[in-house]
């Protein structure tokens, strides 16, 4: 059991941050074949067979509120740039493939920062108690968005 907080890092659910995709999925709900063609990774599986569970900020906020926990923190990140030859790329500024990979990541990071697209992965921290001021300051400087969860007024 966690003493101070629980950290979860999982793929980010794009529907929670892209209303157009949500609207499209609602319109095409009765035509699942067409919806699956438009939204190709709606149901994702890893090569070993595991289902890829995508999470959203709202799910963690509800989780924390349901357990009467005080705070959650979120950071959207873009770490997924794997391809077969990735292990063979030299990580120098002279490597064309490495440079293209860095440009792609920087572009995605800017799109996330502008809130045009969600991050590929969501880092969520659910706190059992409010962290001290130093920790809060460090989280903010590391790019985490902090959300205070109100106490349940009916809990005793």
N, C-alpha and C. Protein backbone atom coordinates (compact mmCIF):
# COMPACT_ATOMS: atom_id res chain seq x y z
N UNK A 1 0.83 -1.18 0.00
CA UNK A 1 0.00 0.00 0.00
C UNK A 1 0.88 1.25 0.00
N UNK A 2 0.51 2.22 -0.74
CA UNK A 2 1.28 3.47 -0.83
C UNK A 2 1.15 4.26 0.47
N UNK A 3 2.26 4.87 0.87
CA UNK A 3 2.26 5.64 2.10
C UNK A 3 1.78 7.07 1.87
N UNK A 4 2.27 7.71 0.77
CA UNK A 4 1.94 9.11 0.53
C UNK A 4 1.14 9.35 -0.74
N UNK A 5 1.42 8.54 -1.77
CA UNK A 5 0.75 8.77 -3.06
C UNK A 5 0.85 7.53 -3.94
N UNK A 6 0.03 7.53 -4.97
CA UNK A 6 0.04 6.48 -5.97
C UNK A 6 0.37 7.14 -7.31
N UNK A 7 1.32 6.58 -8.05
CA UNK A 7 1.69 7.12 -9.36
C UNK A 7 1.27 6.11 -10.43
N UNK A 8 0.57 6.61 -11.43
CA UNK A 8 0.14 5.78 -12.56
C UNK A 8 0.57 6.48 -13.84
N UNK A 9 1.26 5.73 -14.70
CA UNK A 9 1.67 6.27 -15.99
C UNK A 9 1.13 5.32 -17.06
N UNK A 10 0.14 5.79 -17.80
CA UNK A 10 -0.55 4.96 -18.78
C UNK A 10 -0.86 5.79 -20.02
N UNK A 11 -1.21 5.14 -21.14
CA UNK A 11 -1.62 5.89 -22.33
C UNK A 11 -2.81 6.80 -22.01
N UNK A 12 -2.80 7.97 -22.62
CA UNK A 12 -3.83 8.98 -22.39
C UNK A 12 -5.01 8.72 -23.33
N UNK A 13 -6.21 8.76 -22.80
CA UNK A 13 -7.42 8.57 -23.59
C UNK A 13 -7.69 9.84 -24.40
N UNK A 14 -7.59 9.79 -25.73
CA UNK A 14 -7.75 11.01 -26.52
C UNK A 14 -9.16 11.57 -26.50
N UNK A 15 -10.18 10.73 -26.29
CA UNK A 15 -11.56 11.20 -26.33
C UNK A 15 -11.83 12.22 -25.24
N UNK A 16 -11.18 12.07 -24.09
CA UNK A 16 -11.44 12.97 -22.97
C UNK A 16 -10.97 14.40 -23.25
N UNK A 17 -10.06 14.57 -24.18
CA UNK A 17 -9.53 15.90 -24.49
C UNK A 17 -9.81 16.37 -25.91
N UNK A 18 -10.52 15.55 -26.68
CA UNK A 18 -10.81 15.93 -28.07
C UNK A 18 -12.31 15.80 -28.33
N UNK A 19 -13.06 16.87 -28.08
CA UNK A 19 -14.51 16.83 -28.24
C UNK A 19 -14.96 16.40 -29.64
N UNK A 20 -14.18 16.73 -30.66
CA UNK A 20 -14.54 16.33 -32.02
C UNK A 20 -14.57 14.81 -32.14
N UNK A 21 -13.59 14.14 -31.55
CA UNK A 21 -13.55 12.68 -31.58
C UNK A 21 -14.71 12.09 -30.79
N UNK A 22 -15.06 12.70 -29.68
CA UNK A 22 -16.21 12.24 -28.89
C UNK A 22 -17.50 12.41 -29.68
N UNK A 23 -17.67 13.57 -30.31
CA UNK A 23 -18.85 13.81 -31.12
C UNK A 23 -18.95 12.82 -32.28
N UNK A 24 -17.83 12.58 -32.93
CA UNK A 24 -17.81 11.62 -34.05
C UNK A 24 -18.16 10.22 -33.57
N UNK A 25 -17.64 9.84 -32.40
CA UNK A 25 -17.95 8.50 -31.89
C UNK A 25 -19.43 8.39 -31.52
N UNK A 26 -20.03 9.48 -31.03
CA UNK A 26 -21.47 9.45 -30.71
C UNK A 26 -22.32 9.35 -31.98
N UNK A 27 -21.93 10.09 -33.02
CA UNK A 27 -22.67 10.05 -34.28
C UNK A 27 -22.58 8.68 -34.94
N UNK A 28 -21.40 8.08 -34.87
CA UNK A 28 -21.17 6.80 -35.53
C UNK A 28 -21.38 5.59 -34.62
N UNK A 29 -21.93 5.80 -33.43
CA UNK A 29 -22.09 4.72 -32.45
C UNK A 29 -22.85 3.52 -33.00
N UNK A 30 -23.85 3.76 -33.83
CA UNK A 30 -24.64 2.64 -34.37
C UNK A 30 -23.95 1.98 -35.56
N UNK A 31 -22.91 2.59 -36.07
CA UNK A 31 -22.16 2.03 -37.20
C UNK A 31 -20.73 1.71 -36.74
N UNK A 32 -20.60 0.67 -35.92
CA UNK A 32 -19.32 0.39 -35.27
C UNK A 32 -18.20 0.06 -36.27
N UNK A 33 -18.52 -0.57 -37.40
CA UNK A 33 -17.48 -0.87 -38.39
C UNK A 33 -16.89 0.42 -38.94
N UNK A 34 -17.75 1.38 -39.26
CA UNK A 34 -17.28 2.66 -39.77
C UNK A 34 -16.50 3.42 -38.68
N UNK A 35 -17.00 3.38 -37.46
CA UNK A 35 -16.32 4.05 -36.35
C UNK A 35 -14.92 3.46 -36.15
N UNK A 36 -14.79 2.14 -36.24
CA UNK A 36 -13.49 1.49 -36.06
C UNK A 36 -12.52 1.83 -37.19
N UNK A 37 -13.04 2.11 -38.39
CA UNK A 37 -12.19 2.53 -39.50
C UNK A 37 -11.67 3.95 -39.28
N UNK A 38 -12.53 4.81 -38.77
CA UNK A 38 -12.15 6.21 -38.52
C UNK A 38 -11.22 6.30 -37.32
N UNK A 39 -11.55 5.58 -36.27
CA UNK A 39 -10.78 5.63 -35.02
C UNK A 39 -10.08 4.28 -34.86
N UNK A 40 -8.93 4.14 -35.51
CA UNK A 40 -8.24 2.85 -35.64
C UNK A 40 -7.78 2.25 -34.32
N UNK A 41 -7.35 3.05 -33.39
CA UNK A 41 -6.85 2.48 -32.13
C UNK A 41 -7.86 2.60 -30.99
N UNK A 42 -9.13 2.56 -31.33
CA UNK A 42 -10.18 2.63 -30.32
C UNK A 42 -10.02 1.50 -29.30
N UNK A 43 -9.76 0.33 -29.79
CA UNK A 43 -9.45 -0.82 -28.95
C UNK A 43 -8.04 -1.27 -29.30
N UNK A 44 -7.11 -1.07 -28.40
CA UNK A 44 -5.71 -1.39 -28.67
C UNK A 44 -5.25 -2.56 -27.83
N UNK A 45 -4.39 -3.38 -28.43
CA UNK A 45 -3.82 -4.52 -27.74
C UNK A 45 -2.32 -4.55 -27.97
N UNK A 46 -1.58 -4.96 -26.95
CA UNK A 46 -0.15 -5.13 -27.08
C UNK A 46 0.12 -6.44 -27.83
N UNK A 47 1.30 -6.57 -28.44
CA UNK A 47 1.62 -7.82 -29.17
C UNK A 47 1.52 -9.08 -28.30
N UNK A 48 1.72 -8.95 -26.99
CA UNK A 48 1.61 -10.12 -26.11
C UNK A 48 0.17 -10.43 -25.74
N UNK A 49 -0.78 -9.57 -26.17
CA UNK A 49 -2.19 -9.85 -25.95
C UNK A 49 -2.88 -8.99 -24.92
N UNK A 50 -2.15 -8.18 -24.17
CA UNK A 50 -2.77 -7.33 -23.15
C UNK A 50 -3.57 -6.20 -23.79
N UNK A 51 -4.70 -5.89 -23.19
CA UNK A 51 -5.49 -4.74 -23.61
C UNK A 51 -4.77 -3.47 -23.14
N UNK A 52 -4.73 -2.45 -23.99
CA UNK A 52 -4.12 -1.18 -23.62
C UNK A 52 -5.21 -0.29 -23.05
N UNK A 53 -5.18 -0.12 -21.73
CA UNK A 53 -6.18 0.68 -21.03
C UNK A 53 -5.74 2.14 -21.06
N UNK A 54 -6.54 2.99 -21.69
CA UNK A 54 -6.22 4.42 -21.78
C UNK A 54 -6.98 5.16 -20.69
N UNK A 55 -6.29 6.10 -20.03
CA UNK A 55 -6.86 6.79 -18.88
C UNK A 55 -7.04 8.28 -19.16
N UNK A 56 -7.85 8.91 -18.32
CA UNK A 56 -8.06 10.35 -18.43
C UNK A 56 -7.93 10.99 -17.05
N UNK A 57 -7.71 12.31 -17.06
CA UNK A 57 -7.63 13.05 -15.81
C UNK A 57 -8.90 12.89 -14.98
N UNK A 58 -10.02 12.97 -15.66
CA UNK A 58 -11.31 12.92 -14.96
C UNK A 58 -11.49 11.62 -14.17
N UNK A 59 -11.02 10.51 -14.72
CA UNK A 59 -11.13 9.24 -14.00
C UNK A 59 -10.39 9.28 -12.67
N UNK A 60 -9.20 9.88 -12.67
CA UNK A 60 -8.42 9.97 -11.44
C UNK A 60 -9.03 10.98 -10.45
N UNK A 61 -9.62 12.05 -10.98
CA UNK A 61 -10.30 13.00 -10.10
C UNK A 61 -11.48 12.32 -9.39
N UNK A 62 -12.26 11.53 -10.14
CA UNK A 62 -13.39 10.82 -9.54
C UNK A 62 -12.91 9.78 -8.54
N UNK A 63 -11.84 9.08 -8.89
CA UNK A 63 -11.25 8.08 -7.99
C UNK A 63 -10.85 8.72 -6.66
N UNK A 64 -10.13 9.85 -6.74
CA UNK A 64 -9.68 10.55 -5.53
C UNK A 64 -10.87 11.07 -4.73
N UNK A 65 -11.85 11.64 -5.41
CA UNK A 65 -13.03 12.18 -4.70
C UNK A 65 -13.80 11.05 -4.02
N UNK A 66 -13.93 9.92 -4.68
CA UNK A 66 -14.65 8.78 -4.11
C UNK A 66 -13.98 8.23 -2.87
N UNK A 67 -12.65 8.35 -2.79
CA UNK A 67 -11.91 7.87 -1.62
C UNK A 67 -11.61 9.00 -0.64
N UNK A 68 -12.13 10.19 -0.92
CA UNK A 68 -11.94 11.37 -0.07
C UNK A 68 -10.45 11.71 0.09
N UNK A 69 -9.72 11.65 -1.04
CA UNK A 69 -8.30 12.00 -1.06
C UNK A 69 -8.16 13.47 -1.48
N UNK A 70 -7.12 14.16 -1.03
CA UNK A 70 -7.07 15.62 -1.16
C UNK A 70 -6.58 16.20 -2.48
N UNK A 71 -5.77 15.46 -3.24
CA UNK A 71 -5.14 16.10 -4.39
C UNK A 71 -4.68 15.08 -5.42
N UNK A 72 -4.72 15.53 -6.69
CA UNK A 72 -4.13 14.76 -7.79
C UNK A 72 -3.24 15.71 -8.61
N UNK A 73 -2.28 15.13 -9.28
CA UNK A 73 -1.38 15.91 -10.14
C UNK A 73 -1.27 15.19 -11.48
N UNK A 74 -1.22 15.96 -12.57
CA UNK A 74 -1.17 15.37 -13.90
C UNK A 74 -0.07 16.01 -14.75
N UNK A 75 0.53 15.18 -15.58
CA UNK A 75 1.49 15.66 -16.56
C UNK A 75 1.29 14.84 -17.83
N UNK A 76 1.17 15.54 -18.94
CA UNK A 76 1.02 14.88 -20.24
C UNK A 76 2.39 14.80 -20.90
N UNK A 77 2.75 13.61 -21.33
CA UNK A 77 4.07 13.42 -21.94
C UNK A 77 3.96 12.65 -23.26
N UNK A 78 4.98 12.81 -24.07
CA UNK A 78 5.05 12.14 -25.38
C UNK A 78 6.32 11.29 -25.47
N UNK A 79 6.30 10.07 -24.93
CA UNK A 79 7.51 9.26 -24.94
C UNK A 79 7.56 8.19 -26.02
N UNK A 80 6.49 8.01 -26.77
CA UNK A 80 6.39 6.84 -27.64
C UNK A 80 6.81 7.12 -29.08
N UNK A 81 8.03 6.75 -29.39
CA UNK A 81 8.54 6.94 -30.75
C UNK A 81 9.26 5.69 -31.24
N UNK A 82 8.78 4.55 -30.80
CA UNK A 82 9.44 3.29 -31.15
C UNK A 82 9.18 2.91 -32.60
N UNK A 83 10.20 2.40 -33.25
CA UNK A 83 10.08 1.73 -34.54
C UNK A 83 11.20 0.71 -34.60
N UNK A 84 11.11 -0.25 -35.51
CA UNK A 84 12.04 -1.39 -35.52
C UNK A 84 13.51 -1.00 -35.48
N UNK A 85 13.89 0.01 -36.23
CA UNK A 85 15.31 0.37 -36.32
C UNK A 85 15.75 1.34 -35.21
N UNK A 86 14.87 1.68 -34.28
CA UNK A 86 15.19 2.67 -33.24
C UNK A 86 16.43 2.29 -32.42
N UNK A 87 16.60 1.01 -32.16
CA UNK A 87 17.74 0.57 -31.35
C UNK A 87 19.07 0.79 -32.06
N UNK A 88 19.04 0.93 -33.37
CA UNK A 88 20.28 1.08 -34.14
C UNK A 88 20.64 2.53 -34.45
N UNK A 89 19.82 3.47 -34.02
CA UNK A 89 20.08 4.88 -34.32
C UNK A 89 21.16 5.41 -33.38
N UNK A 90 22.10 6.14 -33.97
CA UNK A 90 23.08 6.81 -33.12
C UNK A 90 22.46 8.10 -32.59
N UNK A 91 22.68 8.35 -31.33
CA UNK A 91 22.05 9.51 -30.68
C UNK A 91 23.01 10.70 -30.66
N UNK A 92 23.39 11.10 -31.84
CA UNK A 92 24.24 12.28 -31.99
C UNK A 92 23.51 13.32 -32.81
N UNK A 93 23.97 14.55 -32.72
CA UNK A 93 23.33 15.63 -33.48
C UNK A 93 23.53 15.48 -34.99
N UNK A 94 24.44 14.60 -35.40
CA UNK A 94 24.70 14.39 -36.83
C UNK A 94 23.80 13.31 -37.44
N UNK A 95 23.12 12.56 -36.59
CA UNK A 95 22.25 11.48 -37.06
C UNK A 95 20.93 12.06 -37.57
N UNK A 96 20.66 11.85 -38.85
CA UNK A 96 19.43 12.38 -39.48
C UNK A 96 18.18 11.77 -38.84
N UNK A 97 18.18 10.46 -38.63
CA UNK A 97 17.01 9.80 -38.05
C UNK A 97 16.75 10.29 -36.62
N UNK A 98 17.83 10.47 -35.85
CA UNK A 98 17.67 10.96 -34.48
C UNK A 98 17.15 12.40 -34.48
N UNK A 99 17.64 13.21 -35.39
CA UNK A 99 17.19 14.59 -35.50
C UNK A 99 15.70 14.65 -35.86
N UNK A 100 15.27 13.82 -36.79
CA UNK A 100 13.85 13.77 -37.17
C UNK A 100 12.98 13.31 -35.99
N UNK A 101 13.49 12.37 -35.22
CA UNK A 101 12.77 11.90 -34.04
C UNK A 101 12.61 13.02 -33.02
N UNK A 102 13.68 13.77 -32.78
CA UNK A 102 13.63 14.90 -31.83
C UNK A 102 12.66 15.99 -32.32
N UNK A 103 12.67 16.28 -33.61
CA UNK A 103 11.76 17.28 -34.17
C UNK A 103 10.31 16.84 -33.99
N UNK A 104 10.04 15.56 -34.25
CA UNK A 104 8.68 15.02 -34.09
C UNK A 104 8.23 15.15 -32.63
N UNK A 105 9.11 14.81 -31.69
CA UNK A 105 8.76 14.93 -30.27
C UNK A 105 8.52 16.38 -29.88
N UNK A 106 9.39 17.27 -30.33
CA UNK A 106 9.22 18.69 -30.00
C UNK A 106 7.92 19.24 -30.57
N UNK A 107 7.56 18.82 -31.79
CA UNK A 107 6.30 19.25 -32.39
C UNK A 107 5.11 18.76 -31.57
N UNK A 108 5.14 17.49 -31.18
CA UNK A 108 4.05 16.95 -30.35
C UNK A 108 3.99 17.64 -29.00
N UNK A 109 5.14 17.94 -28.41
CA UNK A 109 5.17 18.65 -27.12
C UNK A 109 4.54 20.04 -27.25
N UNK A 110 4.80 20.73 -28.36
CA UNK A 110 4.21 22.05 -28.59
C UNK A 110 2.69 21.93 -28.75
N UNK A 111 2.23 20.92 -29.48
CA UNK A 111 0.79 20.72 -29.67
C UNK A 111 0.10 20.42 -28.34
N UNK A 112 0.77 19.67 -27.46
CA UNK A 112 0.22 19.40 -26.13
C UNK A 112 0.20 20.68 -25.30
N UNK A 113 1.29 21.44 -25.35
CA UNK A 113 1.39 22.69 -24.60
C UNK A 113 0.31 23.68 -25.04
N UNK A 114 0.01 23.72 -26.36
CA UNK A 114 -1.04 24.59 -26.88
C UNK A 114 -2.44 24.02 -26.66
N UNK A 115 -2.50 22.82 -26.11
CA UNK A 115 -3.75 22.10 -25.83
C UNK A 115 -4.53 21.78 -27.09
N UNK A 116 -3.80 21.55 -28.18
CA UNK A 116 -4.42 21.14 -29.44
C UNK A 116 -4.64 19.63 -29.45
N UNK A 117 -3.69 18.90 -28.90
CA UNK A 117 -3.81 17.44 -28.78
C UNK A 117 -3.45 17.02 -27.36
N UNK A 118 -3.96 15.87 -26.92
CA UNK A 118 -3.54 15.36 -25.62
C UNK A 118 -2.18 14.70 -25.74
N UNK A 119 -1.50 14.51 -24.64
CA UNK A 119 -0.23 13.79 -24.65
C UNK A 119 -0.49 12.33 -24.97
N UNK A 120 0.56 11.64 -25.40
CA UNK A 120 0.43 10.21 -25.67
C UNK A 120 0.21 9.44 -24.37
N UNK A 121 0.86 9.91 -23.32
CA UNK A 121 0.84 9.22 -22.03
C UNK A 121 0.47 10.23 -20.94
N UNK A 122 -0.28 9.76 -19.96
CA UNK A 122 -0.65 10.60 -18.83
C UNK A 122 0.06 10.08 -17.58
N UNK A 123 0.75 10.96 -16.92
CA UNK A 123 1.33 10.65 -15.62
C UNK A 123 0.39 11.24 -14.58
N UNK A 124 -0.15 10.39 -13.73
CA UNK A 124 -1.10 10.84 -12.70
C UNK A 124 -0.57 10.45 -11.32
N UNK A 125 -0.62 11.40 -10.41
CA UNK A 125 -0.24 11.15 -9.02
C UNK A 125 -1.46 11.42 -8.15
N UNK A 126 -1.90 10.42 -7.42
CA UNK A 126 -3.03 10.57 -6.50
C UNK A 126 -2.45 10.58 -5.09
N UNK A 127 -2.61 11.70 -4.40
CA UNK A 127 -2.02 11.88 -3.08
C UNK A 127 -2.96 11.45 -1.96
N UNK A 128 -2.40 10.78 -0.96
CA UNK A 128 -3.16 10.41 0.23
C UNK A 128 -3.23 11.56 1.21
N UNK A 129 -2.24 12.45 1.13
CA UNK A 129 -2.22 13.67 1.94
C UNK A 129 -1.59 14.77 1.09
N UNK A 130 -1.93 16.01 1.37
CA UNK A 130 -1.39 17.12 0.60
C UNK A 130 0.12 17.19 0.84
N UNK A 131 0.91 17.23 -0.23
CA UNK A 131 2.37 17.31 -0.07
C UNK A 131 2.81 18.65 0.51
N UNK A 132 4.04 18.70 1.00
CA UNK A 132 4.58 19.96 1.53
C UNK A 132 4.82 20.95 0.40
N UNK A 133 5.05 22.20 0.75
CA UNK A 133 5.20 23.28 -0.24
C UNK A 133 6.37 23.05 -1.18
N UNK A 134 7.46 22.48 -0.69
CA UNK A 134 8.63 22.22 -1.54
C UNK A 134 8.27 21.22 -2.64
N UNK A 135 7.57 20.16 -2.25
CA UNK A 135 7.15 19.14 -3.23
C UNK A 135 6.19 19.74 -4.25
N UNK A 136 5.23 20.54 -3.79
CA UNK A 136 4.28 21.18 -4.70
C UNK A 136 5.00 22.09 -5.70
N UNK A 137 5.95 22.85 -5.21
CA UNK A 137 6.73 23.74 -6.08
C UNK A 137 7.51 22.94 -7.10
N UNK A 138 8.12 21.83 -6.67
CA UNK A 138 8.90 20.98 -7.58
C UNK A 138 7.99 20.35 -8.65
N UNK A 139 6.82 19.89 -8.24
CA UNK A 139 5.88 19.31 -9.21
C UNK A 139 5.48 20.34 -10.26
N UNK A 140 5.16 21.55 -9.82
CA UNK A 140 4.80 22.62 -10.76
C UNK A 140 5.95 22.91 -11.72
N UNK A 141 7.17 22.99 -11.19
CA UNK A 141 8.31 23.30 -12.06
C UNK A 141 8.62 22.15 -13.01
N UNK A 142 8.21 20.94 -12.66
CA UNK A 142 8.38 19.78 -13.55
C UNK A 142 7.24 19.63 -14.55
N UNK A 143 6.29 20.58 -14.52
CA UNK A 143 5.22 20.57 -15.51
C UNK A 143 3.94 19.87 -15.09
N UNK A 144 3.81 19.55 -13.82
CA UNK A 144 2.57 18.92 -13.35
C UNK A 144 1.50 19.96 -13.08
N UNK A 145 0.27 19.59 -13.40
CA UNK A 145 -0.91 20.41 -13.10
C UNK A 145 -1.54 19.82 -11.85
N UNK A 146 -1.70 20.63 -10.81
CA UNK A 146 -2.23 20.16 -9.53
C UNK A 146 -3.71 20.46 -9.41
N UNK A 147 -4.46 19.49 -8.92
CA UNK A 147 -5.90 19.66 -8.74
C UNK A 147 -6.26 19.31 -7.30
N UNK A 148 -6.81 20.30 -6.59
CA UNK A 148 -7.31 20.05 -5.23
C UNK A 148 -8.68 19.41 -5.32
N UNK A 149 -8.88 18.35 -4.58
CA UNK A 149 -10.16 17.65 -4.58
C UNK A 149 -10.92 18.07 -3.32
N UNK A 150 -12.16 18.55 -3.49
CA UNK A 150 -12.91 18.99 -2.29
C UNK A 150 -13.27 17.80 -1.40
N UNK A 151 -13.33 18.06 -0.10
CA UNK A 151 -13.73 17.02 0.84
C UNK A 151 -15.21 16.72 0.69
N UNK A 152 -15.56 15.47 0.91
CA UNK A 152 -16.94 15.06 0.89
C UNK A 152 -17.65 15.69 2.09
N UNK A 153 -18.62 16.57 1.85
CA UNK A 153 -19.27 17.24 2.99
C UNK A 153 -20.13 16.31 3.83
N UNK A 154 -20.42 15.11 3.31
CA UNK A 154 -21.27 14.17 4.04
C UNK A 154 -20.48 13.10 4.77
N UNK A 155 -19.17 13.01 4.51
CA UNK A 155 -18.34 12.00 5.17
C UNK A 155 -18.06 12.43 6.61
N UNK A 156 -18.06 11.48 7.51
CA UNK A 156 -17.82 11.79 8.93
C UNK A 156 -16.45 11.37 9.33
